[in-house]
C-alpha atoms as a PDB file:
ATOM      1  CA  MET A   1      81.608  39.629  51.864  1.00  0.00           C
ATOM      2  CA  ARG A   2      82.222  41.737  54.949  1.00  0.00           C
ATOM      3  CA  THR A   3      84.305  44.823  55.498  1.00  0.00           C
ATOM      4  CA  TYR A   4      87.239  44.695  57.917  1.00  0.00           C
ATOM      5  CA  GLU A   5      89.743  47.207  59.250  1.00  0.00           C
ATOM      6  CA  ALA A   6      93.318  46.046  59.691  1.00  0.00           C
ATOM      7  CA  MET A   7      96.085  47.857  61.545  1.00  0.00           C
ATOM      8  CA  CYS A   8      99.659  46.797  60.891  1.00  0.00           C
ATOM      9  CA  VAL A   9     102.560  47.842  63.091  1.00  0.00           C
ATOM     10  CA  PHE A  10     105.837  47.452  61.212  1.00  0.00           C
ATOM     11  CA  ARG A  11     109.470  47.780  62.202  1.00  0.00           C
ATOM     12  CA  PRO A  12     110.564  51.439  61.957  1.00  0.00           C
ATOM     13  CA  GLU A  13     113.315  50.974  59.340  1.00  0.00           C
ATOM     14  CA  GLU A  14     112.181  52.211  55.913  1.00  0.00           C
ATOM     15  CA  GLU A  15     113.284  49.092  54.005  1.00  0.00           C
ATOM     16  CA  GLU A  16     111.592  46.796  56.551  1.00  0.00           C
ATOM     17  CA  PHE A  17     108.412  48.875  56.323  1.00  0.00           C
ATOM     18  CA  THR A  18     108.347  48.826  52.514  1.00  0.00           C
ATOM     19  CA  ARG A  19     108.991  45.092  52.350  1.00  0.00           C
ATOM     20  CA  GLY A  20     106.416  44.413  55.078  1.00  0.00           C
ATOM     21  CA  LYS A  21     103.768  46.507  53.341  1.00  0.00           C
ATOM     22  CA  ASP A  22     104.292  44.517  50.134  1.00  0.00           C
ATOM     23  CA  VAL A  23     104.135  41.213  52.025  1.00  0.00           C
ATOM     24  CA  VAL A  24     100.850  42.183  53.687  1.00  0.00           C
ATOM     25  CA  ARG A  25      99.328  43.352  50.399  1.00  0.00           C
ATOM     26  CA  GLU A  26     100.296  40.070  48.692  1.00  0.00           C
ATOM     27  CA  GLU A  27      98.911  38.014  51.582  1.00  0.00           C
ATOM     28  CA  LEU A  28      95.599  39.868  51.394  1.00  0.00           C
ATOM     29  CA  LYS A  29      95.409  39.306  47.625  1.00  0.00           C
ATOM     30  CA  GLN A  30      96.114  35.575  48.078  1.00  0.00           C
ATOM     31  CA  LEU A  31      93.147  35.390  50.460  1.00  0.00           C
ATOM     32  CA  ASP A  32      90.912  37.113  47.868  1.00  0.00           C
ATOM     33  CA  ALA A  33      90.582  40.317  49.880  1.00  0.00           C
ATOM     34  CA  ASN A  34      89.578  43.464  48.052  1.00  0.00           C
ATOM     35  CA  ILE A  35      91.609  46.395  49.427  1.00  0.00           C
ATOM     36  CA  LEU A  36      89.265  49.379  49.617  1.00  0.00           C
ATOM     37  CA  LYS A  37      91.554  51.864  51.380  1.00  0.00           C
ATOM     38  CA  GLU A  38      95.157  52.158  52.547  1.00  0.00           C
ATOM     39  CA  GLU A  39      96.551  54.857  54.801  1.00  0.00           C
ATOM     40  CA  ASP A  40     100.122  55.410  55.936  1.00  0.00           C
ATOM     41  CA  MET A  41      99.905  56.696  59.493  1.00  0.00           C
ATOM     42  CA  GLY A  42     103.647  57.236  59.826  1.00  0.00           C
ATOM     43  CA  GLN A  43     106.153  56.503  62.557  1.00  0.00           C
ATOM     44  CA  ARG A  44     105.003  56.713  66.142  1.00  0.00           C
ATOM     45  CA  THR A  45     106.371  56.095  69.590  1.00  0.00           C
ATOM     46  CA  LEU A  46     105.058  52.902  71.143  1.00  0.00           C
ATOM     47  CA  ALA A  47     103.375  52.948  74.553  1.00  0.00           C
ATOM     48  CA  TYR A  48     105.635  50.069  75.583  1.00  0.00           C
ATOM     49  CA  PRO A  49     108.618  48.393  73.884  1.00  0.00           C
ATOM     50  CA  ILE A  50     107.882  45.578  71.435  1.00  0.00           C
ATOM     51  CA  LYS A  51     110.857  43.354  70.604  1.00  0.00           C
ATOM     52  CA  ASN A  52     113.147  45.996  72.166  1.00  0.00           C
ATOM     53  CA  MET A  53     111.819  48.740  69.857  1.00  0.00           C
ATOM     54  CA  ASN A  54     110.310  52.020  71.011  1.00  0.00           C
ATOM     55  CA  GLN A  55     109.310  53.289  67.542  1.00  0.00           C
ATOM     56  CA  ALA A  56     107.148  51.644  64.865  1.00  0.00           C
ATOM     57  CA  HIS A  57     105.534  52.462  61.531  1.00  0.00           C
ATOM     58  CA  TYR A  58     101.724  52.201  61.449  1.00  0.00           C
ATOM     59  CA  TYR A  59      99.716  51.316  58.339  1.00  0.00           C
ATOM     60  CA  TYR A  60      95.915  51.049  58.078  1.00  0.00           C
ATOM     61  CA  TYR A  61      93.870  48.960  55.629  1.00  0.00           C
ATOM     62  CA  VAL A  62      90.156  48.680  54.918  1.00  0.00           C
ATOM     63  CA  VAL A  63      89.456  45.384  53.154  1.00  0.00           C
ATOM     64  CA  GLU A  64      86.449  43.460  51.963  1.00  0.00           C
ATOM     65  CA  MET A  65      86.689  39.691  52.264  1.00  0.00           C
ATOM     66  CA  ASP A  66      84.928  36.445  53.043  1.00  0.00           C
ATOM     67  CA  PRO A  67      84.426  36.035  56.836  1.00  0.00           C
ATOM     68  CA  ALA A  68      85.790  32.485  56.703  1.00  0.00           C
ATOM     69  CA  LYS A  69      89.135  33.812  55.462  1.00  0.00           C
ATOM     70  CA  ALA A  70      89.454  36.584  58.070  1.00  0.00           C
ATOM     71  CA  HIS A  71      90.710  34.126  60.688  1.00  0.00           C
ATOM     72  CA  LYS A  72      93.300  32.763  58.236  1.00  0.00           C
ATOM     73  CA  THR A  73      94.507  36.316  57.648  1.00  0.00           C
ATOM     74  CA  GLU A  74      95.199  36.918  61.344  1.00  0.00           C
ATOM     75  CA  HIS A  75      97.096  33.651  61.639  1.00  0.00           C
ATOM     76  CA  ALA A  76      99.167  34.279  58.486  1.00  0.00           C
ATOM     77  CA  MET A  77     100.096  37.842  59.535  1.00  0.00           C
ATOM     78  CA  LYS A  78     101.318  36.785  62.970  1.00  0.00           C
ATOM     79  CA  LEU A  79     103.980  34.675  61.248  1.00  0.00           C
ATOM     80  CA  LYS A  80     105.455  37.599  59.273  1.00  0.00           C
ATOM     81  CA  ASP A  81     108.803  38.854  60.613  1.00  0.00           C
ATOM     82  CA  GLU A  82     108.284  42.394  59.297  1.00  0.00           C
ATOM     83  CA  LEU A  83     105.180  42.899  61.455  1.00  0.00           C
ATOM     84  CA  LEU A  84     105.438  43.736  65.122  1.00  0.00           C
ATOM     85  CA  ARG A  85     101.657  43.627  65.646  1.00  0.00           C
ATOM     86  CA  PHE A  86      98.569  43.012  63.527  1.00  0.00           C
ATOM     87  CA  LEU A  87      94.917  43.523  64.380  1.00  0.00           C
ATOM     88  CA  MET A  88      91.884  42.943  62.197  1.00  0.00           C
ATOM     89  CA  VAL A  89      88.344  43.838  63.269  1.00  0.00           C
ATOM     90  CA  ARG A  90      85.025  43.728  61.496  1.00  0.00           C
ATOM     91  CA  ARG A  91      83.820  47.163  60.499  1.00  0.00           C
ATOM     92  CA  GLU A  92      80.359  48.150  61.708  1.00  0.00           C
ATOM     93  CA  GLU A  93      77.697  48.419  59.056  1.00  0.00           C
ATOM     94  CA  SER A  94      76.433  51.974  58.693  1.00  0.00           C
END
């Protein structure tokens, strides 16, 4: 098992954000990821428009999962309509 950090950028509407957060959490559980930490980073202005939106809601996860499933996670998240962007990186061992 390795530790990963995931940043999700959701649509700014509250209902879209709530639904998207639940979808991401369920997807991570289906891939046997252990969610170690979640942090709501709030709404922020984007550096450039994404899908004609200038605002987005950021949410941060720290998860522990099998490295073979990390690639599947990225692919699955890119297909979710509620997410504007998704990035997962391996956390450095300290």
